[in-house]
Amino acid sequence: MAEDKFEQAVIAKLKSEGWDCPTDYSGVTVDRLYDHWRDILNVNMVNLKVC
């Protein structure tokens, strides 16, 4: 339970600094988060034409 309280405190701090948690990624696997991150990087590379 200590880990859960820590996570909630981190989320509360991030939100107080203007961060918004996308609900469609709550409770998903690490692999899904990694895939999402990879998709963002790929889009950015295409937009920058750094391929």
Protein backbone atom coordinates (compact mmCIF):
# COMPACT_ATOMS: atom_id res chain seq x y z
CA MET A 1 0.00 0.00 0.00
CA ALA A 2 2.93 2.35 0.55
CA GLU A 3 3.70 2.18 -3.17
CA ASP A 4 0.12 3.10 -4.04
CA LYS A 5 0.23 6.12 -1.71
CA PHE A 6 3.53 7.19 -3.26
CA GLU A 7 2.13 6.89 -6.79
CA GLN A 8 -0.94 8.91 -5.84
CA ALA A 9 1.28 11.61 -4.29
CA VAL A 10 3.40 11.79 -7.47
CA ILE A 11 0.29 12.05 -9.64
CA ALA A 12 -1.17 14.77 -7.40
CA LYS A 13 2.09 16.75 -7.62
CA LEU A 14 2.28 16.41 -11.39
CA LYS A 15 -1.34 17.52 -11.77
CA SER A 16 -0.68 20.54 -9.53
CA GLU A 17 2.11 21.47 -11.98
CA GLY A 18 -0.25 21.31 -14.98
CA TRP A 19 0.22 17.70 -16.06
CA ASP A 20 -2.86 15.86 -17.34
CA CYS A 21 -3.15 12.09 -17.13
CA PRO A 22 -4.69 10.60 -20.28
CA THR A 23 -7.38 8.21 -19.00
CA ASP A 24 -7.09 5.94 -22.04
CA TYR A 25 -3.67 4.85 -20.76
CA SER A 26 -4.62 4.22 -17.14
CA GLY A 27 -4.19 0.61 -16.12
CA VAL A 28 -2.56 -0.54 -19.36
CA THR A 29 0.52 -2.75 -19.61
CA VAL A 30 4.05 -1.42 -19.76
CA ASP A 31 4.28 -2.83 -23.29
CA ARG A 32 1.28 -0.73 -24.37
CA LEU A 33 2.84 2.39 -22.86
CA TYR A 34 6.11 1.60 -24.64
CA ASP A 35 4.28 1.14 -27.95
CA HIS A 36 2.53 4.48 -27.46
CA TRP A 37 5.86 6.19 -26.71
CA ARG A 38 7.40 4.58 -29.80
CA ASP A 39 4.47 5.81 -31.94
CA ILE A 40 5.03 9.38 -30.69
CA LEU A 41 8.74 9.19 -31.47
CA ASN A 42 8.04 7.85 -34.96
CA VAL A 43 5.58 10.66 -35.69
CA ASN A 44 8.08 13.23 -34.43
CA MET A 45 10.83 11.77 -36.59
CA VAL A 46 8.62 11.94 -39.68
CA ASN A 47 7.61 15.53 -38.83
CA LEU A 48 11.27 16.48 -38.44
CA LYS A 49 12.30 14.41 -41.47
CA VAL A 50 15.20 12.87 -39.50
CA CYS A 51 14.71 9.30 -40.75
